[in-house]
PDB file of N, CA and C in Angstrom:
ATOM      1  N   MET A   1       3.517   8.734 -20.373  1.00  0.00           N
ATOM      2  CA  MET A   1       4.352   8.677 -19.197  1.00  0.00           C
ATOM      3  C   MET A   1       4.109   9.944 -18.391  1.00  0.00           C
ATOM      4  N   SER A   2       3.944   9.788 -17.106  1.00  0.00           N
ATOM      5  CA  SER A   2       3.695  10.915 -16.217  1.00  0.00           C
ATOM      6  C   SER A   2       4.988  11.681 -15.961  1.00  0.00           C
ATOM      7  N   GLU A   3       4.824  12.939 -15.559  1.00  0.00           N
ATOM      8  CA  GLU A   3       5.974  13.770 -15.242  1.00  0.00           C
ATOM      9  C   GLU A   3       5.948  14.148 -13.775  1.00  0.00           C
ATOM     10  N   VAL A   4       7.137  14.344 -13.221  1.00  0.00           N
ATOM     11  CA  VAL A   4       7.286  14.817 -11.851  1.00  0.00           C
ATOM     12  C   VAL A   4       8.433  15.834 -11.855  1.00  0.00           C
ATOM     13  N   SER A   5       8.217  16.950 -11.183  1.00  0.00           N
ATOM     14  CA  SER A   5       9.266  17.973 -11.145  1.00  0.00           C
ATOM     15  C   SER A   5      10.324  17.590 -10.114  1.00  0.00           C
ATOM     16  N   ILE A   6      11.488  18.188 -10.254  1.00  0.00           N
ATOM     17  CA  ILE A   6      12.548  17.939  -9.285  1.00  0.00           C
ATOM     18  C   ILE A   6      12.079  18.365  -7.898  1.00  0.00           C
ATOM     19  N   ARG A   7      11.326  19.448  -7.811  1.00  0.00           N
ATOM     20  CA  ARG A   7      10.806  19.906  -6.524  1.00  0.00           C
ATOM     21  C   ARG A   7       9.924  18.830  -5.892  1.00  0.00           C
ATOM     22  N   ASP A   8       8.993  18.274  -6.691  1.00  0.00           N
ATOM     23  CA  ASP A   8       8.131  17.212  -6.170  1.00  0.00           C
ATOM     24  C   ASP A   8       8.951  15.983  -5.767  1.00  0.00           C
ATOM     25  N   LEU A   9       9.950  15.668  -6.556  1.00  0.00           N
ATOM     26  CA  LEU A   9      10.798  14.527  -6.234  1.00  0.00           C
ATOM     27  C   LEU A   9      11.501  14.754  -4.897  1.00  0.00           C
ATOM     28  N   ARG A  10      11.981  15.959  -4.680  1.00  0.00           N
ATOM     29  CA  ARG A  10      12.657  16.284  -3.422  1.00  0.00           C
ATOM     30  C   ARG A  10      11.678  16.266  -2.246  1.00  0.00           C
ATOM     31  N   ASN A  11      10.505  16.884  -2.433  1.00  0.00           N
ATOM     32  CA  ASN A  11       9.556  17.026  -1.330  1.00  0.00           C
ATOM     33  C   ASN A  11       8.749  15.766  -1.048  1.00  0.00           C
ATOM     34  N   ARG A  12       8.515  14.958  -2.064  1.00  0.00           N
ATOM     35  CA  ARG A  12       7.677  13.757  -1.903  1.00  0.00           C
ATOM     36  C   ARG A  12       8.370  12.540  -2.496  1.00  0.00           C
ATOM     37  N   GLY A  13       9.659  12.441  -2.249  1.00  0.00           N
ATOM     38  CA  GLY A  13      10.465  11.371  -2.842  1.00  0.00           C
ATOM     39  C   GLY A  13       9.926   9.978  -2.566  1.00  0.00           C
ATOM     40  N   GLY A  14       9.502   9.744  -1.327  1.00  0.00           N
ATOM     41  CA  GLY A  14       8.981   8.421  -0.982  1.00  0.00           C
ATOM     42  C   GLY A  14       7.754   8.058  -1.796  1.00  0.00           C
ATOM     43  N   GLU A  15       6.841   9.010  -1.957  1.00  0.00           N
ATOM     44  CA  GLU A  15       5.625   8.761  -2.748  1.00  0.00           C
ATOM     45  C   GLU A  15       5.969   8.501  -4.212  1.00  0.00           C
ATOM     46  N   VAL A  16       6.923   9.284  -4.726  1.00  0.00           N
ATOM     47  CA  VAL A  16       7.327   9.117  -6.128  1.00  0.00           C
ATOM     48  C   VAL A  16       7.926   7.729  -6.341  1.00  0.00           C
ATOM     49  N   ILE A  17       8.805   7.326  -5.437  1.00  0.00           N
ATOM     50  CA  ILE A  17       9.432   6.007  -5.564  1.00  0.00           C
ATOM     51  C   ILE A  17       8.397   4.901  -5.398  1.00  0.00           C
ATOM     52  N   ASP A  18       7.401   5.095  -4.539  1.00  0.00           N
ATOM     53  CA  ASP A  18       6.317   4.110  -4.410  1.00  0.00           C
ATOM     54  C   ASP A  18       5.601   3.924  -5.737  1.00  0.00           C
ATOM     55  N   ARG A  19       5.356   5.015  -6.456  1.00  0.00           N
ATOM     56  CA  ARG A  19       4.698   4.926  -7.770  1.00  0.00           C
ATOM     57  C   ARG A  19       5.552   4.119  -8.741  1.00  0.00           C
ATOM     58  N   VAL A  20       6.848   4.388  -8.733  1.00  0.00           N
ATOM     59  CA  VAL A  20       7.761   3.660  -9.625  1.00  0.00           C
ATOM     60  C   VAL A  20       7.799   2.188  -9.241  1.00  0.00           C
ATOM     61  N   GLU A  21       7.825   1.929  -7.943  1.00  0.00           N
ATOM     62  CA  GLU A  21       7.866   0.541  -7.480  1.00  0.00           C
ATOM     63  C   GLU A  21       6.629  -0.232  -7.907  1.00  0.00           C
ATOM     64  N   ARG A  22       5.499   0.467  -8.039  1.00  0.00           N
ATOM     65  CA  ARG A  22       4.265  -0.183  -8.503  1.00  0.00           C
ATOM     66  C   ARG A  22       4.237  -0.349 -10.018  1.00  0.00           C
ATOM     67  N   GLY A  23       5.289   0.096 -10.713  1.00  0.00           N
ATOM     68  CA  GLY A  23       5.384  -0.147 -12.150  1.00  0.00           C
ATOM     69  C   GLY A  23       5.254   1.084 -13.026  1.00  0.00           C
ATOM     70  N   GLU A  24       5.033   2.236 -12.436  1.00  0.00           N
ATOM     71  CA  GLU A  24       4.854   3.456 -13.229  1.00  0.00           C
ATOM     72  C   GLU A  24       6.209   3.997 -13.671  1.00  0.00           C
ATOM     73  N   ARG A  25       6.250   4.525 -14.889  1.00  0.00           N
ATOM     74  CA  ARG A  25       7.449   5.195 -15.398  1.00  0.00           C
ATOM     75  C   ARG A  25       7.203   6.689 -15.318  1.00  0.00           C
ATOM     76  N   LEU A  26       8.170   7.423 -14.792  1.00  0.00           N
ATOM     77  CA  LEU A  26       8.015   8.856 -14.598  1.00  0.00           C
ATOM     78  C   LEU A  26       9.160   9.610 -15.257  1.00  0.00           C
ATOM     79  N   THR A  27       8.835  10.749 -15.841  1.00  0.00           N
ATOM     80  CA  THR A  27       9.845  11.642 -16.382  1.00  0.00           C
ATOM     81  C   THR A  27      10.067  12.761 -15.380  1.00  0.00           C
ATOM     82  N   VAL A  28      11.319  13.005 -15.038  1.00  0.00           N
ATOM     83  CA  VAL A  28      11.665  14.082 -14.112  1.00  0.00           C
ATOM     84  C   VAL A  28      11.945  15.332 -14.929  1.00  0.00           C
ATOM     85  N   THR A  29      11.348  16.447 -14.502  1.00  0.00           N
ATOM     86  CA  THR A  29      11.521  17.701 -15.231  1.00  0.00           C
ATOM     87  C   THR A  29      12.199  18.751 -14.358  1.00  0.00           C
ATOM     88  N   ARG A  30      12.947  19.619 -15.003  1.00  0.00           N
ATOM     89  CA  ARG A  30      13.568  20.776 -14.361  1.00  0.00           C
ATOM     90  C   ARG A  30      13.199  21.990 -15.201  1.00  0.00           C
ATOM     91  N   ASP A  31      12.494  22.921 -14.601  1.00  0.00           N
ATOM     92  CA  ASP A  31      12.025  24.114 -15.309  1.00  0.00           C
ATOM     93  C   ASP A  31      11.262  23.742 -16.578  1.00  0.00           C
ATOM     94  N   GLY A  32      10.479  22.662 -16.500  1.00  0.00           N
ATOM     95  CA  GLY A  32       9.659  22.226 -17.625  1.00  0.00           C
ATOM     96  C   GLY A  32      10.377  21.377 -18.663  1.00  0.00           C
ATOM     97  N   ARG A  33      11.697  21.233 -18.526  1.00  0.00           N
ATOM     98  CA  ARG A  33      12.472  20.412 -19.471  1.00  0.00           C
ATOM     99  C   ARG A  33      12.620  19.003 -18.917  1.00  0.00           C
ATOM    100  N   LYS A  34      12.485  18.017 -19.776  1.00  0.00           N
ATOM    101  CA  LYS A  34      12.683  16.626 -19.365  1.00  0.00           C
ATOM    102  C   LYS A  34      14.172  16.381 -19.179  1.00  0.00           C
ATOM    103  N   VAL A  35      14.541  15.887 -17.983  1.00  0.00           N
ATOM    104  CA  VAL A  35      15.962  15.678 -17.697  1.00  0.00           C
ATOM    105  C   VAL A  35      16.302  14.239 -17.302  1.00  0.00           C
ATOM    106  N   ALA A  36      15.318  13.465 -16.880  1.00  0.00           N
ATOM    107  CA  ALA A  36      15.612  12.095 -16.449  1.00  0.00           C
ATOM    108  C   ALA A  36      14.338  11.267 -16.502  1.00  0.00           C
ATOM    109  N   GLU A  37      14.545   9.967 -16.404  1.00  0.00           N
ATOM    110  CA  GLU A  37      13.416   9.047 -16.375  1.00  0.00           C
ATOM    111  C   GLU A  37      13.600   8.093 -15.206  1.00  0.00           C
ATOM    112  N   LEU A  38      12.528   7.894 -14.441  1.00  0.00           N
ATOM    113  CA  LEU A  38      12.520   6.903 -13.368  1.00  0.00           C
ATOM    114  C   LEU A  38      11.666   5.741 -13.827  1.00  0.00           C
ATOM    115  N   ARG A  39      12.204   4.544 -13.717  1.00  0.00           N
ATOM    116  CA  ARG A  39      11.460   3.358 -14.120  1.00  0.00           C
ATOM    117  C   ARG A  39      11.825   2.216 -13.196  1.00  0.00           C
ATOM    118  N   PRO A  40      10.919   1.244 -13.059  1.00  0.00           N
ATOM    119  CA  PRO A  40      11.242   0.095 -12.211  1.00  0.00           C
ATOM    120  C   PRO A  40      12.382  -0.713 -12.814  1.00  0.00           C
ATOM    121  N   ILE A  41      13.151  -1.312 -11.954  1.00  0.00           N
ATOM    122  CA  ILE A  41      14.232  -2.195 -12.406  1.00  0.00           C
ATOM    123  C   ILE A  41      13.615  -3.535 -12.770  1.00  0.00           C
ATOM    124  N   ALA A  42      14.038  -4.077 -13.907  1.00  0.00           N
ATOM    125  CA  ALA A  42      13.524  -5.375 -14.353  1.00  0.00           C
ATOM    126  C   ALA A  42      13.931  -6.459 -13.354  1.00  0.00           C
ATOM    127  N   PRO A  43      13.033  -7.408 -13.109  1.00  0.00           N
ATOM    128  CA  PRO A  43      13.398  -8.494 -12.189  1.00  0.00           C
ATOM    129  C   PRO A  43      14.576  -9.288 -12.744  1.00  0.00           C
ATOM    130  N   LEU A  44      15.356  -9.856 -11.843  1.00  0.00           N
ATOM    131  CA  LEU A  44      16.497 -10.653 -12.264  1.00  0.00           C
ATOM    132  C   LEU A  44      16.033 -11.932 -12.952  1.00  0.00           C
ATOM    133  N   ALA A  45      16.783 -12.336 -13.946  1.00  0.00           N
ATOM    134  CA  ALA A  45      16.464 -13.566 -14.667  1.00  0.00           C
ATOM    135  C   ALA A  45      16.699 -14.776 -13.756  1.00  0.00           C
ATOM    136  N   VAL A  46      15.893 -15.788 -13.949  1.00  0.00           N
ATOM    137  CA  VAL A  46      16.039 -17.016 -13.174  1.00  0.00           C
ATOM    138  C   VAL A  46      17.018 -17.926 -13.904  1.00  0.00           C
ATOM    139  N   LYS A  47      17.948 -18.473 -13.168  1.00  0.00           N
ATOM    140  CA  LYS A  47      18.954 -19.356 -13.772  1.00  0.00           C
ATOM    141  C   LYS A  47      18.318 -20.672 -14.217  1.00  0.00           C
ATOM    142  N   ALA A  48      18.886 -21.262 -15.250  1.00  0.00           N
ATOM    143  CA  ALA A  48      18.361 -22.504 -15.814  1.00  0.00           C
ATOM    144  C   ALA A  48      18.307 -23.614 -14.770  1.00  0.00           C
ATOM    145  N   ARG A  49      19.300 -23.688 -13.904  1.00  0.00           N
ATOM    146  CA  ARG A  49      19.330 -24.719 -12.864  1.00  0.00           C
ATOM    147  C   ARG A  49      18.107 -24.618 -11.959  1.00  0.00           C
ATOM    148  N   VAL A  50      17.724 -23.397 -11.603  1.00  0.00           N
ATOM    149  CA  VAL A  50      16.558 -23.185 -10.745  1.00  0.00           C
ATOM    150  C   VAL A  50      15.287 -23.606 -11.473  1.00  0.00           C
ATOM    151  N   LEU A  51      15.195 -23.283 -12.748  1.00  0.00           N
ATOM    152  CA  LEU A  51      14.021 -23.669 -13.529  1.00  0.00           C
ATOM    153  C   LEU A  51      13.892 -25.188 -13.615  1.00  0.00           C
ATOM    154  N   VAL A  52      15.007 -25.869 -13.833  1.00  0.00           N
ATOM    155  CA  VAL A  52      14.979 -27.333 -13.916  1.00  0.00           C
ATOM    156  C   VAL A  52      14.549 -27.924 -12.578  1.00  0.00           C
ATOM    157  N   GLU A  53      15.054 -27.366 -11.469  1.00  0.00           N
ATOM    158  CA  GLU A  53      14.656 -27.855 -10.151  1.00  0.00           C
ATOM    159  C   GLU A  53      13.154 -27.651  -9.923  1.00  0.00           C
ATOM    160  N   ARG A  54      12.648 -26.507 -10.324  1.00  0.00           N
ATOM    161  CA  ARG A  54      11.208 -26.247 -10.186  1.00  0.00           C
ATOM    162  C   ARG A  54      10.404 -27.206 -11.060  1.00  0.00           C
ATOM    163  N   TRP A  55      10.878 -27.419 -12.285  1.00  0.00           N
ATOM    164  CA  TRP A  55      10.175 -28.300 -13.220  1.00  0.00           C
ATOM    165  C   TRP A  55      10.104 -29.721 -12.664  1.00  0.00           C
ATOM    166  N   ALA A  56      11.179 -30.146 -12.012  1.00  0.00           N
ATOM    167  CA  ALA A  56      11.222 -31.503 -11.468  1.00  0.00           C
ATOM    168  C   ALA A  56      10.186 -31.712 -10.366  1.00  0.00           C
ATOM    169  N   ARG A  57       9.778 -30.651  -9.690  1.00  0.00           N
ATOM    170  CA  ARG A  57       8.803 -30.763  -8.601  1.00  0.00           C
ATOM    171  C   ARG A  57       7.352 -30.628  -9.075  1.00  0.00           C
ATOM    172  N   LEU A  58       7.148 -30.344 -10.345  1.00  0.00           N
ATOM    173  CA  LEU A  58       5.773 -30.210 -10.855  1.00  0.00           C
ATOM    174  C   LEU A  58       5.102 -31.579 -10.908  1.00  0.00           C
ATOM    175  N   PRO A  59       3.804 -31.623 -10.671  1.00  0.00           N
ATOM    176  CA  PRO A  59       3.112 -32.916 -10.764  1.00  0.00           C
ATOM    177  C   PRO A  59       3.092 -33.410 -12.213  1.00  0.00           C
ATOM    178  N   ARG A  60       3.110 -34.721 -12.366  1.00  0.00           N
ATOM    179  CA  ARG A  60       3.040 -35.317 -13.699  1.00  0.00           C
ATOM    180  C   ARG A  60       1.632 -35.123 -14.256  1.00  0.00           C
ATOM    181  N   VAL A  61       1.543 -34.900 -15.537  1.00  0.00           N
ATOM    182  CA  VAL A  61       0.247 -34.700 -16.194  1.00  0.00           C
ATOM    183  C   VAL A  61       0.038 -35.819 -17.202  1.00  0.00           C
ATOM    184  N   ASP A  62      -1.124 -36.425 -17.123  1.00  0.00           N
ATOM    185  CA  ASP A  62      -1.511 -37.450 -18.089  1.00  0.00           C
ATOM    186  C   ASP A  62      -2.302 -36.743 -19.190  1.00  0.00           C
ATOM    187  N   PRO A  63      -1.719 -36.526 -20.370  1.00  0.00           N
ATOM    188  CA  PRO A  63      -2.394 -35.762 -21.417  1.00  0.00           C
ATOM    189  C   PRO A  63      -3.736 -36.369 -21.839  1.00  0.00           C
ATOM    190  N   GLU A  64      -3.788 -37.694 -21.940  1.00  0.00           N
ATOM    191  CA  GLU A  64      -5.037 -38.349 -22.344  1.00  0.00           C
ATOM    192  C   GLU A  64      -6.103 -38.180 -21.270  1.00  0.00           C
ATOM    193  N   GLY A  65      -5.711 -38.326 -20.005  1.00  0.00           N
ATOM    194  CA  GLY A  65      -6.649 -38.140 -18.906  1.00  0.00           C
ATOM    195  C   GLY A  65      -7.139 -36.698 -18.833  1.00  0.00           C
ATOM    196  N   LEU A  66      -6.244 -35.763 -19.057  1.00  0.00           N
ATOM    197  CA  LEU A  66      -6.631 -34.357 -19.070  1.00  0.00           C
ATOM    198  C   LEU A  66      -7.646 -34.099 -20.180  1.00  0.00           C
ATOM    199  N   ARG A  67      -7.391 -34.657 -21.341  1.00  0.00           N
ATOM    200  CA  ARG A  67      -8.308 -34.474 -22.479  1.00  0.00           C
ATOM    201  C   ARG A  67      -9.692 -35.039 -22.148  1.00  0.00           C
ATOM    202  N   ARG A  68      -9.715 -36.234 -21.543  1.00  0.00           N
ATOM    203  CA  ARG A  68     -11.003 -36.841 -21.166  1.00  0.00           C
ATOM    204  C   ARG A  68     -11.757 -35.950 -20.177  1.00  0.00           C
ATOM    205  N   GLU A  69     -11.041 -35.439 -19.179  1.00  0.00           N
ATOM    206  CA  GLU A  69     -11.679 -34.563 -18.191  1.00  0.00           C
ATOM    207  C   GLU A  69     -12.214 -33.294 -18.845  1.00  0.00           C
ATOM    208  N   LEU A  70     -11.443 -32.735 -19.749  1.00  0.00           N
ATOM    209  CA  LEU A  70     -11.908 -31.531 -20.453  1.00  0.00           C
ATOM    210  C   LEU A  70     -13.145 -31.829 -21.290  1.00  0.00           C
ATOM    211  N   ASP A  71     -13.127 -32.951 -21.980  1.00  0.00           N
ATOM    212  CA  ASP A  71     -14.280 -33.329 -22.803  1.00  0.00           C
ATOM    213  C   ASP A  71     -15.527 -33.540 -21.952  1.00  0.00           C
ATOM    214  N   GLN A  72     -15.367 -34.058 -20.742  1.00  0.00           N
ATOM    215  CA  GLN A  72     -16.503 -34.263 -19.848  1.00  0.00           C
ATOM    216  C   GLN A  72     -17.020 -32.933 -19.283  1.00  0.00           C
ATOM    217  N   THR A  73     -16.107 -31.996 -19.089  1.00  0.00           N
ATOM    218  CA  THR A  73     -16.451 -30.724 -18.455  1.00  0.00           C
ATOM    219  C   THR A  73     -16.981 -29.698 -19.436  1.00  0.00           C
ATOM    220  N   ILE A  74     -16.374 -29.648 -20.614  1.00  0.00           N
ATOM    221  CA  ILE A  74     -16.697 -28.614 -21.596  1.00  0.00           C
ATOM    222  C   ILE A  74     -17.488 -29.207 -22.738  1.00  0.00           C
ATOM    223  N   ASP A  75     -18.518 -28.493 -23.151  1.00  0.00           N
ATOM    224  CA  ASP A  75     -19.340 -28.923 -24.279  1.00  0.00           C
ATOM    225  C   ASP A  75     -18.506 -28.886 -25.548  1.00  0.00           C
ATOM    226  N   ALA A  76     -18.338 -30.035 -26.182  1.00  0.00           N
ATOM    227  CA  ALA A  76     -17.516 -30.134 -27.391  1.00  0.00           C
ATOM    228  C   ALA A  76     -18.094 -29.357 -28.558  1.00  0.00           C
ATOM    229  N   ALA A  77     -19.356 -28.988 -28.495  1.00  0.00           N
ATOM    230  CA  ALA A  77     -20.000 -28.252 -29.575  1.00  0.00           C
ATOM    231  C   ALA A  77     -19.575 -26.781 -29.587  1.00  0.00           C
ATOM    232  N   LEU A  78     -18.922 -26.334 -28.545  1.00  0.00           N
ATOM    233  CA  LEU A  78     -18.526 -24.912 -28.467  1.00  0.00           C
ATOM    234  C   LEU A  78     -17.425 -24.601 -29.402  1.00  0.00           C
TER     235      LEU A  78
END
């Protein structure tokens, strides 16, 4: 985990937050001591109702037809 001093956080706060937003975890230091951690916030969980609605809009898959297409496309000897 990378470190950033309080001075750097104050002087380049926007850049530091951009790094965190891209997924980096940073330890904030004061006089060389670790005092805090900056990390991205986990995305919110999707509710079951939303997942069911999304699932209902997915195209139907014919498992046997998919298998036939795969067998035609991919060498079965692999």
